[in-house]
């Protein structure tokens, strides 16, 4: 299928599909006329990319674990036991948790500034 059909089937713009290719996430075949040709499986791949991006993973990490995920029950993404994928996901989980903690602290400080009683220290 060509890029327009993949965009239509996934709801992802052509521009983003080209970006995913630049990042090494998609690997279309190039036809003699220069057009990209995508396989039917690329629809699932794009869906996996979107889920991983929504989870807060950077594309560099996604490129390393994308081949380690598959559709599980109820359209839930699961890992398929690739070595290193779980460790990488645990590191990303810790990174995101740290970021959430920092944002929560910032929110509490701003809440204190907005409170008429004055700022509080966390």
PDB file of N, CA and C in Angstrom:
ATOM      1  N   UNK A   1       0.848  -1.177   0.000  1.00  0.00           N
ATOM      2  CA  UNK A   1       0.000   0.000   0.000  1.00  0.00           C
ATOM      3  C   UNK A   1       0.889   1.234   0.000  1.00  0.00           C
ATOM      4  N   UNK A   2       0.375   2.319  -0.505  1.00  0.00           N
ATOM      5  CA  UNK A   2       1.138   3.565  -0.547  1.00  0.00           C
ATOM      6  C   UNK A   2       0.881   4.375   0.713  1.00  0.00           C
ATOM      7  N   UNK A   3       1.637   5.431   0.871  1.00  0.00           N
ATOM      8  CA  UNK A   3       1.614   6.214   2.102  1.00  0.00           C
ATOM      9  C   UNK A   3       0.234   6.808   2.390  1.00  0.00           C
ATOM     10  N   UNK A   4      -0.474   7.218   1.363  1.00  0.00           N
ATOM     11  CA  UNK A   4      -1.803   7.789   1.568  1.00  0.00           C
ATOM     12  C   UNK A   4      -2.767   6.787   2.173  1.00  0.00           C
ATOM     13  N   UNK A   5      -2.704   5.549   1.711  1.00  0.00           N
ATOM     14  CA  UNK A   5      -3.588   4.518   2.255  1.00  0.00           C
ATOM     15  C   UNK A   5      -3.208   4.198   3.706  1.00  0.00           C
ATOM     16  N   UNK A   6      -1.902   4.122   3.991  1.00  0.00           N
ATOM     17  CA  UNK A   6      -1.472   3.870   5.368  1.00  0.00           C
ATOM     18  C   UNK A   6      -1.924   5.015   6.273  1.00  0.00           C
ATOM     19  N   UNK A   7      -1.799   6.228   5.802  1.00  0.00           N
ATOM     20  CA  UNK A   7      -2.259   7.386   6.574  1.00  0.00           C
ATOM     21  C   UNK A   7      -3.759   7.270   6.849  1.00  0.00           C
ATOM     22  N   UNK A   8      -4.515   6.902   5.839  1.00  0.00           N
ATOM     23  CA  UNK A   8      -5.968   6.770   5.986  1.00  0.00           C
ATOM     24  C   UNK A   8      -6.317   5.649   6.968  1.00  0.00           C
ATOM     25  N   UNK A   9      -5.655   4.523   6.841  1.00  0.00           N
ATOM     26  CA  UNK A   9      -5.971   3.354   7.690  1.00  0.00           C
ATOM     27  C   UNK A   9      -5.541   3.539   9.137  1.00  0.00           C
ATOM     28  N   UNK A  10      -4.544   4.381   9.382  1.00  0.00           N
ATOM     29  CA  UNK A  10      -4.034   4.549  10.746  1.00  0.00           C
ATOM     30  C   UNK A  10      -4.461   5.864  11.392  1.00  0.00           C
ATOM     31  N   UNK A  11      -4.915   6.826  10.580  1.00  0.00           N
ATOM     32  CA  UNK A  11      -5.257   8.130  11.118  1.00  0.00           C
ATOM     33  C   UNK A  11      -4.031   8.980  11.430  1.00  0.00           C
ATOM     34  N   UNK A  12      -2.884   8.577  10.917  1.00  0.00           N
ATOM     35  CA  UNK A  12      -1.626   9.287  11.127  1.00  0.00           C
ATOM     36  C   UNK A  12      -1.263  10.004   9.825  1.00  0.00           C
ATOM     37  N   UNK A  13      -0.847  11.250   9.938  1.00  0.00           N
ATOM     38  CA  UNK A  13      -0.552  12.022   8.730  1.00  0.00           C
ATOM     39  C   UNK A  13       0.635  11.446   7.955  1.00  0.00           C
ATOM     40  N   UNK A  14       0.669  11.758   6.682  1.00  0.00           N
ATOM     41  CA  UNK A  14       1.795  11.335   5.841  1.00  0.00           C
ATOM     42  C   UNK A  14       3.106  11.893   6.378  1.00  0.00           C
ATOM     43  N   UNK A  15       3.045  13.109   6.848  1.00  0.00           N
ATOM     44  CA  UNK A  15       4.253  13.740   7.393  1.00  0.00           C
ATOM     45  C   UNK A  15       4.800  12.945   8.576  1.00  0.00           C
ATOM     46  N   UNK A  16       3.906  12.539   9.489  1.00  0.00           N
ATOM     47  CA  UNK A  16       4.350  11.742  10.631  1.00  0.00           C
ATOM     48  C   UNK A  16       4.876  10.380  10.191  1.00  0.00           C
ATOM     49  N   UNK A  17       4.261   9.781   9.193  1.00  0.00           N
ATOM     50  CA  UNK A  17       4.747   8.492   8.691  1.00  0.00           C
ATOM     51  C   UNK A  17       6.157   8.633   8.135  1.00  0.00           C
ATOM     52  N   UNK A  18       6.405   9.718   7.430  1.00  0.00           N
ATOM     53  CA  UNK A  18       7.763   9.954   6.926  1.00  0.00           C
ATOM     54  C   UNK A  18       8.741  10.183   8.083  1.00  0.00           C
ATOM     55  N   UNK A  19       8.277  10.885   9.113  1.00  0.00           N
ATOM     56  CA  UNK A  19       9.113  11.090  10.304  1.00  0.00           C
ATOM     57  C   UNK A  19       9.443   9.748  10.963  1.00  0.00           C
ATOM     58  N   UNK A  20       8.454   8.885  11.091  1.00  0.00           N
ATOM     59  CA  UNK A  20       8.703   7.556  11.673  1.00  0.00           C
ATOM     60  C   UNK A  20       9.739   6.798  10.856  1.00  0.00           C
ATOM     61  N   UNK A  21       9.682   6.959   9.555  1.00  0.00           N
ATOM     62  CA  UNK A  21      10.691   6.320   8.698  1.00  0.00           C
ATOM     63  C   UNK A  21      12.072   6.918   8.980  1.00  0.00           C
ATOM     64  N   UNK A  22      12.160   8.239   9.080  1.00  0.00           N
ATOM     65  CA  UNK A  22      13.439   8.901   9.374  1.00  0.00           C
ATOM     66  C   UNK A  22      14.022   8.423  10.703  1.00  0.00           C
ATOM     67  N   UNK A  23      13.144   8.134  11.653  1.00  0.00           N
ATOM     68  CA  UNK A  23      13.582   7.698  12.978  1.00  0.00           C
ATOM     69  C   UNK A  23      13.877   6.191  13.036  1.00  0.00           C
ATOM     70  N   UNK A  24      13.704   5.516  11.929  1.00  0.00           N
ATOM     71  CA  UNK A  24      13.982   4.080  11.881  1.00  0.00           C
ATOM     72  C   UNK A  24      12.876   3.215  12.444  1.00  0.00           C
ATOM     73  N   UNK A  25      11.670   3.765  12.549  1.00  0.00           N
ATOM     74  CA  UNK A  25      10.546   3.024  13.103  1.00  0.00           C
ATOM     75  C   UNK A  25       9.758   2.284  12.028  1.00  0.00           C
ATOM     76  N   UNK A  26       9.726   2.814  10.847  1.00  0.00           N
ATOM     77  CA  UNK A  26       9.055   2.173   9.705  1.00  0.00           C
ATOM     78  C   UNK A  26      10.088   1.959   8.606  1.00  0.00           C
ATOM     79  N   UNK A  27       9.902   0.878   7.873  1.00  0.00           N
ATOM     80  CA  UNK A  27      10.861   0.526   6.823  1.00  0.00           C
ATOM     81  C   UNK A  27      10.129   0.161   5.527  1.00  0.00           C
ATOM     82  N   UNK A  28       9.554   1.158   4.854  1.00  0.00           N
ATOM     83  CA  UNK A  28       8.853   0.846   3.605  1.00  0.00           C
ATOM     84  C   UNK A  28       9.843   0.462   2.500  1.00  0.00           C
ATOM     85  N   UNK A  29       9.337  -0.267   1.560  1.00  0.00           N
ATOM     86  CA  UNK A  29      10.119  -0.603   0.375  1.00  0.00           C
ATOM     87  C   UNK A  29      10.003   0.578  -0.579  1.00  0.00           C
ATOM     88  N   UNK A  30      11.095   0.926  -1.229  1.00  0.00           N
ATOM     89  CA  UNK A  30      11.047   1.994  -2.228  1.00  0.00           C
ATOM     90  C   UNK A  30      10.857   1.358  -3.602  1.00  0.00           C
ATOM     91  N   UNK A  31       9.838   1.798  -4.294  1.00  0.00           N
ATOM     92  CA  UNK A  31       9.570   1.316  -5.641  1.00  0.00           C
ATOM     93  C   UNK A  31      10.474   2.024  -6.640  1.00  0.00           C
ATOM     94  N   UNK A  32      10.532   1.516  -7.855  1.00  0.00           N
ATOM     95  CA  UNK A  32      11.393   2.091  -8.882  1.00  0.00           C
ATOM     96  C   UNK A  32      11.078   3.570  -9.122  1.00  0.00           C
ATOM     97  N   UNK A  33       9.818   3.955  -8.953  1.00  0.00           N
ATOM     98  CA  UNK A  33       9.421   5.349  -9.160  1.00  0.00           C
ATOM     99  C   UNK A  33       9.669   6.225  -7.927  1.00  0.00           C
ATOM    100  N   UNK A  34      10.252   5.644  -6.866  1.00  0.00           N
ATOM    101  CA  UNK A  34      10.566   6.390  -5.656  1.00  0.00           C
ATOM    102  C   UNK A  34       9.466   6.388  -4.612  1.00  0.00           C
ATOM    103  N   UNK A  35       8.297   5.875  -4.964  1.00  0.00           N
ATOM    104  CA  UNK A  35       7.197   5.821  -4.003  1.00  0.00           C
ATOM    105  C   UNK A  35       7.502   4.805  -2.912  1.00  0.00           C
ATOM    106  N   UNK A  36       6.937   5.061  -1.746  1.00  0.00           N
ATOM    107  CA  UNK A  36       7.053   4.121  -0.638  1.00  0.00           C
ATOM    108  C   UNK A  36       5.946   3.080  -0.760  1.00  0.00           C
ATOM    109  N   UNK A  37       6.295   1.839  -0.459  1.00  0.00           N
ATOM    110  CA  UNK A  37       5.301   0.764  -0.429  1.00  0.00           C
ATOM    111  C   UNK A  37       5.334   0.144   0.967  1.00  0.00           C
ATOM    112  N   UNK A  38       4.180   0.144   1.612  1.00  0.00           N
ATOM    113  CA  UNK A  38       4.061  -0.375   2.965  1.00  0.00           C
ATOM    114  C   UNK A  38       3.348  -1.724   2.949  1.00  0.00           C
ATOM    115  N   UNK A  39       3.705  -2.566   3.907  1.00  0.00           N
ATOM    116  CA  UNK A  39       3.063  -3.869   4.061  1.00  0.00           C
ATOM    117  C   UNK A  39       1.832  -3.719   4.947  1.00  0.00           C
ATOM    118  N   UNK A  40       0.930  -4.683   4.875  1.00  0.00           N
ATOM    119  CA  UNK A  40      -0.265  -4.655   5.722  1.00  0.00           C
ATOM    120  C   UNK A  40       0.112  -4.611   7.202  1.00  0.00           C
ATOM    121  N   UNK A  41       1.211  -5.271   7.565  1.00  0.00           N
ATOM    122  CA  UNK A  41       1.656  -5.283   8.957  1.00  0.00           C
ATOM    123  C   UNK A  41       2.073  -3.924   9.475  1.00  0.00           C
ATOM    124  N   UNK A  42       2.341  -2.991   8.569  1.00  0.00           N
ATOM    125  CA  UNK A  42       2.734  -1.647   9.002  1.00  0.00           C
ATOM    126  C   UNK A  42       1.592  -0.904   9.687  1.00  0.00           C
ATOM    127  N   UNK A  43       0.356  -1.320   9.428  1.00  0.00           N
ATOM    128  CA  UNK A  43      -0.779  -0.711  10.129  1.00  0.00           C
ATOM    129  C   UNK A  43      -0.637  -0.986  11.632  1.00  0.00           C
ATOM    130  N   UNK A  44      -0.357  -2.224  11.987  1.00  0.00           N
ATOM    131  CA  UNK A  44      -0.155  -2.579  13.402  1.00  0.00           C
ATOM    132  C   UNK A  44       1.089  -1.886  13.946  1.00  0.00           C
ATOM    133  N   UNK A  45       2.144  -1.808  13.148  1.00  0.00           N
ATOM    134  CA  UNK A  45       3.366  -1.155  13.598  1.00  0.00           C
ATOM    135  C   UNK A  45       3.101   0.301  13.950  1.00  0.00           C
ATOM    136  N   UNK A  46       2.361   0.996  13.117  1.00  0.00           N
ATOM    137  CA  UNK A  46       2.031   2.402  13.396  1.00  0.00           C
ATOM    138  C   UNK A  46       1.196   2.499  14.669  1.00  0.00           C
ATOM    139  N   UNK A  47       0.258   1.586  14.852  1.00  0.00           N
ATOM    140  CA  UNK A  47      -0.544   1.579  16.075  1.00  0.00           C
ATOM    141  C   UNK A  47       0.356   1.380  17.300  1.00  0.00           C
ATOM    142  N   UNK A  48       1.323   0.469  17.194  1.00  0.00           N
ATOM    143  CA  UNK A  48       2.257   0.239  18.299  1.00  0.00           C
ATOM    144  C   UNK A  48       3.085   1.494  18.585  1.00  0.00           C
ATOM    145  N   UNK A  49       3.551   2.135  17.539  1.00  0.00           N
ATOM    146  CA  UNK A  49       4.326   3.372  17.706  1.00  0.00           C
ATOM    147  C   UNK A  49       3.497   4.410  18.453  1.00  0.00           C
ATOM    148  N   UNK A  50       2.246   4.567  18.061  1.00  0.00           N
ATOM    149  CA  UNK A  50       1.377   5.566  18.688  1.00  0.00           C
ATOM    150  C   UNK A  50       1.166   5.264  20.173  1.00  0.00           C
ATOM    151  N   UNK A  51       0.968   3.992  20.511  1.00  0.00           N
ATOM    152  CA  UNK A  51       0.783   3.616  21.915  1.00  0.00           C
ATOM    153  C   UNK A  51       2.043   3.924  22.714  1.00  0.00           C
ATOM    154  N   UNK A  52       3.192   3.575  22.164  1.00  0.00           N
ATOM    155  CA  UNK A  52       4.455   3.812  22.863  1.00  0.00           C
ATOM    156  C   UNK A  52       4.752   5.299  23.009  1.00  0.00           C
ATOM    157  N   UNK A  53       4.423   6.087  21.990  1.00  0.00           N
ATOM    158  CA  UNK A  53       4.571   7.542  22.104  1.00  0.00           C
ATOM    159  C   UNK A  53       3.622   8.093  23.166  1.00  0.00           C
ATOM    160  N   UNK A  54       2.377   7.605  23.164  1.00  0.00           N
ATOM    161  CA  UNK A  54       1.412   8.050  24.173  1.00  0.00           C
ATOM    162  C   UNK A  54       1.867   7.686  25.579  1.00  0.00           C
ATOM    163  N   UNK A  55       2.659   6.616  25.704  1.00  0.00           N
ATOM    164  CA  UNK A  55       3.195   6.205  27.002  1.00  0.00           C
ATOM    165  C   UNK A  55       4.353   7.102  27.439  1.00  0.00           C
ATOM    166  N   UNK A  56       4.776   7.999  26.563  1.00  0.00           N
ATOM    167  CA  UNK A  56       5.834   8.932  26.917  1.00  0.00           C
ATOM    168  C   UNK A  56       7.227   8.486  26.525  1.00  0.00           C
ATOM    169  N   UNK A  57       7.325   7.449  25.712  1.00  0.00           N
ATOM    170  CA  UNK A  57       8.643   6.966  25.301  1.00  0.00           C
ATOM    171  C   UNK A  57       9.169   7.791  24.136  1.00  0.00           C
ATOM    172  N   UNK A  58      10.449   8.143  24.159  1.00  0.00           N
ATOM    173  CA  UNK A  58      11.045   8.845  23.022  1.00  0.00           C
ATOM    174  C   UNK A  58      11.248   7.877  21.847  1.00  0.00           C
ATOM    175  N   UNK A  59      11.317   8.440  20.652  1.00  0.00           N
ATOM    176  CA  UNK A  59      11.440   7.587  19.464  1.00  0.00           C
ATOM    177  C   UNK A  59      12.716   6.748  19.478  1.00  0.00           C
ATOM    178  N   UNK A  60      13.776   7.249  20.102  1.00  0.00           N
ATOM    179  CA  UNK A  60      15.017   6.467  20.165  1.00  0.00           C
ATOM    180  C   UNK A  60      14.801   5.176  20.957  1.00  0.00           C
ATOM    181  N   UNK A  61      14.030   5.247  22.020  1.00  0.00           N
ATOM    182  CA  UNK A  61      13.729   4.044  22.800  1.00  0.00           C
ATOM    183  C   UNK A  61      12.768   3.156  22.027  1.00  0.00           C
ATOM    184  N   UNK A  62      11.776   3.760  21.406  1.00  0.00           N
ATOM    185  CA  UNK A  62      10.814   2.981  20.627  1.00  0.00           C
ATOM    186  C   UNK A  62      11.529   2.185  19.540  1.00  0.00           C
ATOM    187  N   UNK A  63      12.503   2.806  18.896  1.00  0.00           N
ATOM    188  CA  UNK A  63      13.244   2.109  17.831  1.00  0.00           C
ATOM    189  C   UNK A  63      13.927   0.855  18.365  1.00  0.00           C
ATOM    190  N   UNK A  64      14.321   0.887  19.619  1.00  0.00           N
ATOM    191  CA  UNK A  64      15.030  -0.267  20.201  1.00  0.00           C
ATOM    192  C   UNK A  64      14.100  -1.366  20.689  1.00  0.00           C
ATOM    193  N   UNK A  65      12.846  -1.021  21.011  1.00  0.00           N
ATOM    194  CA  UNK A  65      11.958  -2.048  21.564  1.00  0.00           C
ATOM    195  C   UNK A  65      10.762  -2.379  20.675  1.00  0.00           C
ATOM    196  N   UNK A  66      10.589  -1.665  19.595  1.00  0.00           N
ATOM    197  CA  UNK A  66       9.401  -1.849  18.759  1.00  0.00           C
ATOM    198  C   UNK A  66       9.234  -3.299  18.315  1.00  0.00           C
ATOM    199  N   UNK A  67      10.338  -3.946  17.981  1.00  0.00           N
ATOM    200  CA  UNK A  67      10.248  -5.338  17.535  1.00  0.00           C
ATOM    201  C   UNK A  67       9.918  -6.295  18.688  1.00  0.00           C
ATOM    202  N   UNK A  68       9.909  -5.770  19.906  1.00  0.00           N
ATOM    203  CA  UNK A  68       9.647  -6.586  21.093  1.00  0.00           C
ATOM    204  C   UNK A  68       8.213  -6.485  21.589  1.00  0.00           C
ATOM    205  N   UNK A  69       7.355  -5.750  20.900  1.00  0.00           N
ATOM    206  CA  UNK A  69       5.968  -5.609  21.337  1.00  0.00           C
ATOM    207  C   UNK A  69       5.032  -6.225  20.316  1.00  0.00           C
ATOM    208  N   UNK A  70       3.888  -6.645  20.833  1.00  0.00           N
ATOM    209  CA  UNK A  70       2.874  -7.266  19.970  1.00  0.00           C
ATOM    210  C   UNK A  70       1.505  -6.956  20.559  1.00  0.00           C
ATOM    211  N   UNK A  71       0.487  -7.188  19.767  1.00  0.00           N
ATOM    212  CA  UNK A  71      -0.875  -7.018  20.261  1.00  0.00           C
ATOM    213  C   UNK A  71      -1.213  -8.164  21.195  1.00  0.00           C
ATOM    214  N   UNK A  72      -1.717  -7.809  22.358  1.00  0.00           N
ATOM    215  CA  UNK A  72      -2.178  -8.805  23.306  1.00  0.00           C
ATOM    216  C   UNK A  72      -3.691  -8.803  23.336  1.00  0.00           C
ATOM    217  N   UNK A  73      -4.257  -9.370  24.379  1.00  0.00           N
ATOM    218  CA  UNK A  73      -5.721  -9.383  24.507  1.00  0.00           C
ATOM    219  C   UNK A  73      -6.287  -7.964  24.563  1.00  0.00           C
ATOM    220  N   UNK A  74      -7.434  -7.783  23.983  1.00  0.00           N
ATOM    221  CA  UNK A  74      -8.172  -6.509  24.014  1.00  0.00           C
ATOM    222  C   UNK A  74      -7.348  -5.341  23.484  1.00  0.00           C
ATOM    223  N   UNK A  75      -6.582  -5.562  22.405  1.00  0.00           N
ATOM    224  CA  UNK A  75      -5.777  -4.518  21.760  1.00  0.00           C
ATOM    225  C   UNK A  75      -4.738  -3.918  22.703  1.00  0.00           C
ATOM    226  N   UNK A  76      -4.376  -4.632  23.744  1.00  0.00           N
ATOM    227  CA  UNK A  76      -3.367  -4.166  24.692  1.00  0.00           C
ATOM    228  C   UNK A  76      -1.998  -4.585  24.187  1.00  0.00           C
ATOM    229  N   UNK A  77      -1.042  -3.690  24.257  1.00  0.00           N
ATOM    230  CA  UNK A  77       0.321  -3.981  23.826  1.00  0.00           C
ATOM    231  C   UNK A  77       1.036  -4.779  24.905  1.00  0.00           C
ATOM    232  N   UNK A  78       1.757  -5.814  24.492  1.00  0.00           N
ATOM    233  CA  UNK A  78       2.521  -6.643  25.422  1.00  0.00           C
ATOM    234  C   UNK A  78       3.918  -6.845  24.858  1.00  0.00           C
ATOM    235  N   UNK A  79       4.879  -7.121  25.758  1.00  0.00           N
ATOM    236  CA  UNK A  79       6.222  -7.452  25.289  1.00  0.00           C
ATOM    237  C   UNK A  79       6.269  -8.944  25.008  1.00  0.00           C
ATOM    238  N   UNK A  80       7.122  -9.315  24.062  1.00  0.00           N
ATOM    239  CA  UNK A  80       7.204 -10.720  23.688  1.00  0.00           C
ATOM    240  C   UNK A  80       8.487 -11.386  24.180  1.00  0.00           C
ATOM    241  N   UNK A  81       9.045 -10.862  25.242  1.00  0.00           N
ATOM    242  CA  UNK A  81      10.180 -11.516  25.878  1.00  0.00           C
ATOM    243  C   UNK A  81      11.540 -11.218  25.283  1.00  0.00           C
ATOM    244  N   UNK A  82      11.681 -10.145  24.532  1.00  0.00           N
ATOM    245  CA  UNK A  82      12.997  -9.774  23.999  1.00  0.00           C
ATOM    246  C   UNK A  82      13.937  -9.433  25.146  1.00  0.00           C
ATOM    247  N   UNK A  83      15.168  -9.915  25.060  1.00  0.00           N
ATOM    248  CA  UNK A  83      16.131  -9.546  26.095  1.00  0.00           C
ATOM    249  C   UNK A  83      16.356  -8.028  26.113  1.00  0.00           C
ATOM    250  N   UNK A  84      16.356  -7.464  27.273  1.00  0.00           N
ATOM    251  CA  UNK A  84      16.636  -6.040  27.422  1.00  0.00           C
ATOM    252  C   UNK A  84      15.422  -5.135  27.344  1.00  0.00           C
ATOM    253  N   UNK A  85      14.335  -5.596  26.735  1.00  0.00           N
ATOM    254  CA  UNK A  85      13.164  -4.730  26.580  1.00  0.00           C
ATOM    255  C   UNK A  85      12.561  -4.378  27.937  1.00  0.00           C
ATOM    256  N   UNK A  86      12.451  -5.348  28.811  1.00  0.00           N
ATOM    257  CA  UNK A  86      11.871  -5.089  30.130  1.00  0.00           C
ATOM    258  C   UNK A  86      12.741  -4.125  30.921  1.00  0.00           C
ATOM    259  N   UNK A  87      14.053  -4.318  30.880  1.00  0.00           N
ATOM    260  CA  UNK A  87      14.957  -3.420  31.597  1.00  0.00           C
ATOM    261  C   UNK A  87      14.855  -2.001  31.046  1.00  0.00           C
ATOM    262  N   UNK A  88      14.780  -1.867  29.735  1.00  0.00           N
ATOM    263  CA  UNK A  88      14.666  -0.542  29.126  1.00  0.00           C
ATOM    264  C   UNK A  88      13.349   0.114  29.532  1.00  0.00           C
ATOM    265  N   UNK A  89      12.263  -0.665  29.542  1.00  0.00           N
ATOM    266  CA  UNK A  89      10.965  -0.126  29.947  1.00  0.00           C
ATOM    267  C   UNK A  89      10.970   0.272  31.422  1.00  0.00           C
ATOM    268  N   UNK A  90      11.648  -0.489  32.254  1.00  0.00           N
ATOM    269  CA  UNK A  90      11.751  -0.126  33.678  1.00  0.00           C
ATOM    270  C   UNK A  90      12.509   1.195  33.843  1.00  0.00           C
ATOM    271  N   UNK A  91      13.567   1.397  33.045  1.00  0.00           N
ATOM    272  CA  UNK A  91      14.308   2.665  33.112  1.00  0.00           C
ATOM    273  C   UNK A  91      13.422   3.827  32.677  1.00  0.00           C
ATOM    274  N   UNK A  92      12.655   3.630  31.640  1.00  0.00           N
ATOM    275  CA  UNK A  92      11.751   4.685  31.176  1.00  0.00           C
ATOM    276  C   UNK A  92      10.671   4.957  32.215  1.00  0.00           C
ATOM    277  N   UNK A  93      10.188   3.918  32.859  1.00  0.00           N
ATOM    278  CA  UNK A  93       9.194   4.085  33.920  1.00  0.00           C
ATOM    279  C   UNK A  93       9.771   4.938  35.045  1.00  0.00           C
ATOM    280  N   UNK A  94      10.997   4.655  35.435  1.00  0.00           N
ATOM    281  CA  UNK A  94      11.658   5.435  36.495  1.00  0.00           C
ATOM    282  C   UNK A  94      11.854   6.881  36.058  1.00  0.00           C
ATOM    283  N   UNK A  95      12.250   7.091  34.804  1.00  0.00           N
ATOM    284  CA  UNK A  95      12.445   8.446  34.285  1.00  0.00           C
ATOM    285  C   UNK A  95      11.139   9.236  34.332  1.00  0.00           C
ATOM    286  N   UNK A  96      10.052   8.604  33.911  1.00  0.00           N
ATOM    287  CA  UNK A  96       8.749   9.269  33.894  1.00  0.00           C
ATOM    288  C   UNK A  96       8.267   9.540  35.320  1.00  0.00           C
ATOM    289  N   UNK A  97       8.491   8.590  36.224  1.00  0.00           N
ATOM    290  CA  UNK A  97       8.101   8.778  37.626  1.00  0.00           C
ATOM    291  C   UNK A  97       8.837   9.968  38.231  1.00  0.00           C
ATOM    292  N   UNK A  98      10.124  10.093  37.939  1.00  0.00           N
ATOM    293  CA  UNK A  98      10.909  11.227  38.436  1.00  0.00           C
ATOM    294  C   UNK A  98      10.349  12.537  37.881  1.00  0.00           C
ATOM    295  N   UNK A  99      10.011  12.556  36.619  1.00  0.00           N
ATOM    296  CA  UNK A  99       9.450  13.764  36.010  1.00  0.00           C
ATOM    297  C   UNK A  99       8.104  14.128  36.648  1.00  0.00           C
ATOM    298  N   UNK A 100       7.282  13.129  36.912  1.00  0.00           N
ATOM    299  CA  UNK A 100       5.987  13.376  37.562  1.00  0.00           C
ATOM    300  C   UNK A 100       6.208  13.958  38.959  1.00  0.00           C
ATOM    301  N   UNK A 101       7.161  13.404  39.695  1.00  0.00           N
ATOM    302  CA  UNK A 101       7.450  13.916  41.046  1.00  0.00           C
ATOM    303  C   UNK A 101       7.888  15.375  40.991  1.00  0.00           C
ATOM    304  N   UNK A 102       8.734  15.718  40.011  1.00  0.00           N
ATOM    305  CA  UNK A 102       9.172  17.119  39.870  1.00  0.00           C
ATOM    306  C   UNK A 102       7.994  18.030  39.540  1.00  0.00           C
ATOM    307  N   UNK A 103       7.152  17.589  38.627  1.00  0.00           N
ATOM    308  CA  UNK A 103       5.984  18.393  38.254  1.00  0.00           C
ATOM    309  C   UNK A 103       5.022  18.540  39.428  1.00  0.00           C
ATOM    310  N   UNK A 104       4.847  17.489  40.204  1.00  0.00           N
ATOM    311  CA  UNK A 104       3.969  17.565  41.368  1.00  0.00           C
ATOM    312  C   UNK A 104       4.503  18.580  42.376  1.00  0.00           C
ATOM    313  N   UNK A 105       5.814  18.570  42.591  1.00  0.00           N
ATOM    314  CA  UNK A 105       6.431  19.550  43.499  1.00  0.00           C
ATOM    315  C   UNK A 105       6.219  20.971  42.965  1.00  0.00           C
ATOM    316  N   UNK A 106       6.402  21.151  41.673  1.00  0.00           N
ATOM    317  CA  UNK A 106       6.179  22.472  41.065  1.00  0.00           C
ATOM    318  C   UNK A 106       4.736  22.915  41.243  1.00  0.00           C
ATOM    319  N   UNK A 107       3.808  21.989  41.044  1.00  0.00           N
ATOM    320  CA  UNK A 107       2.394  22.335  41.182  1.00  0.00           C
ATOM    321  C   UNK A 107       2.085  22.753  42.620  1.00  0.00           C
ATOM    322  N   UNK A 108       2.647  22.043  43.594  1.00  0.00           N
ATOM    323  CA  UNK A 108       2.417  22.405  44.996  1.00  0.00           C
ATOM    324  C   UNK A 108       2.975  23.800  45.301  1.00  0.00           C
ATOM    325  N   UNK A 109       4.144  24.115  44.746  1.00  0.00           N
ATOM    326  CA  UNK A 109       4.721  25.443  44.961  1.00  0.00           C
ATOM    327  C   UNK A 109       3.839  26.526  44.352  1.00  0.00           C
ATOM    328  N   UNK A 110       3.351  26.284  43.163  1.00  0.00           N
ATOM    329  CA  UNK A 110       2.459  27.264  42.519  1.00  0.00           C
ATOM    330  C   UNK A 110       1.151  27.366  43.286  1.00  0.00           C
ATOM    331  N   UNK A 111       0.612  26.222  43.746  1.00  0.00           N
ATOM    332  CA  UNK A 111      -0.597  26.267  44.580  1.00  0.00           C
ATOM    333  C   UNK A 111      -0.374  27.175  45.783  1.00  0.00           C
ATOM    334  N   UNK A 112       0.816  27.059  46.381  1.00  0.00           N
ATOM    335  CA  UNK A 112       1.129  27.894  47.530  1.00  0.00           C
ATOM    336  C   UNK A 112       1.170  29.370  47.178  1.00  0.00           C
ATOM    337  N   UNK A 113       1.676  29.663  45.995  1.00  0.00           N
ATOM    338  CA  UNK A 113       1.722  31.062  45.559  1.00  0.00           C
ATOM    339  C   UNK A 113       0.325  31.605  45.280  1.00  0.00           C
ATOM    340  N   UNK A 114      -0.549  30.753  44.843  1.00  0.00           N
ATOM    341  CA  UNK A 114      -1.912  31.174  44.536  1.00  0.00           C
ATOM    342  C   UNK A 114      -2.807  31.223  45.771  1.00  0.00           C
ATOM    343  N   UNK A 115      -2.396  30.538  46.821  1.00  0.00           N
ATOM    344  CA  UNK A 115      -3.169  30.506  48.064  1.00  0.00           C
ATOM    345  C   UNK A 115      -3.066  31.870  48.741  1.00  0.00           C
ATOM    346  N   UNK A 116      -4.192  32.467  49.100  1.00  0.00           N
ATOM    347  CA  UNK A 116      -4.163  33.793  49.738  1.00  0.00           C
ATOM    348  C   UNK A 116      -3.375  33.800  51.056  1.00  0.00           C
ATOM    349  N   UNK A 117      -3.226  32.655  51.688  1.00  0.00           N
ATOM    350  CA  UNK A 117      -2.495  32.587  52.951  1.00  0.00           C
ATOM    351  C   UNK A 117      -0.984  32.661  52.723  1.00  0.00           C
ATOM    352  N   UNK A 118      -0.553  32.624  51.472  1.00  0.00           N
ATOM    353  CA  UNK A 118       0.879  32.736  51.162  1.00  0.00           C
ATOM    354  C   UNK A 118       1.489  31.403  50.776  1.00  0.00           C
ATOM    355  N   UNK A 119       2.711  31.466  50.254  1.00  0.00           N
ATOM    356  CA  UNK A 119       3.380  30.240  49.785  1.00  0.00           C
ATOM    357  C   UNK A 119       3.775  29.334  50.937  1.00  0.00           C
ATOM    358  N   UNK A 120       3.743  28.059  50.657  1.00  0.00           N
ATOM    359  CA  UNK A 120       4.177  27.039  51.599  1.00  0.00           C
ATOM    360  C   UNK A 120       5.385  26.328  51.007  1.00  0.00           C
ATOM    361  N   UNK A 121       6.243  25.829  51.833  1.00  0.00           N
ATOM    362  CA  UNK A 121       7.357  25.046  51.341  1.00  0.00           C
ATOM    363  C   UNK A 121       6.940  23.579  51.303  1.00  0.00           C
ATOM    364  N   UNK A 122       7.399  22.860  50.317  1.00  0.00           N
ATOM    365  CA  UNK A 122       6.994  21.451  50.201  1.00  0.00           C
ATOM    366  C   UNK A 122       7.625  20.581  51.263  1.00  0.00           C
TER     367      UNK A 122
END
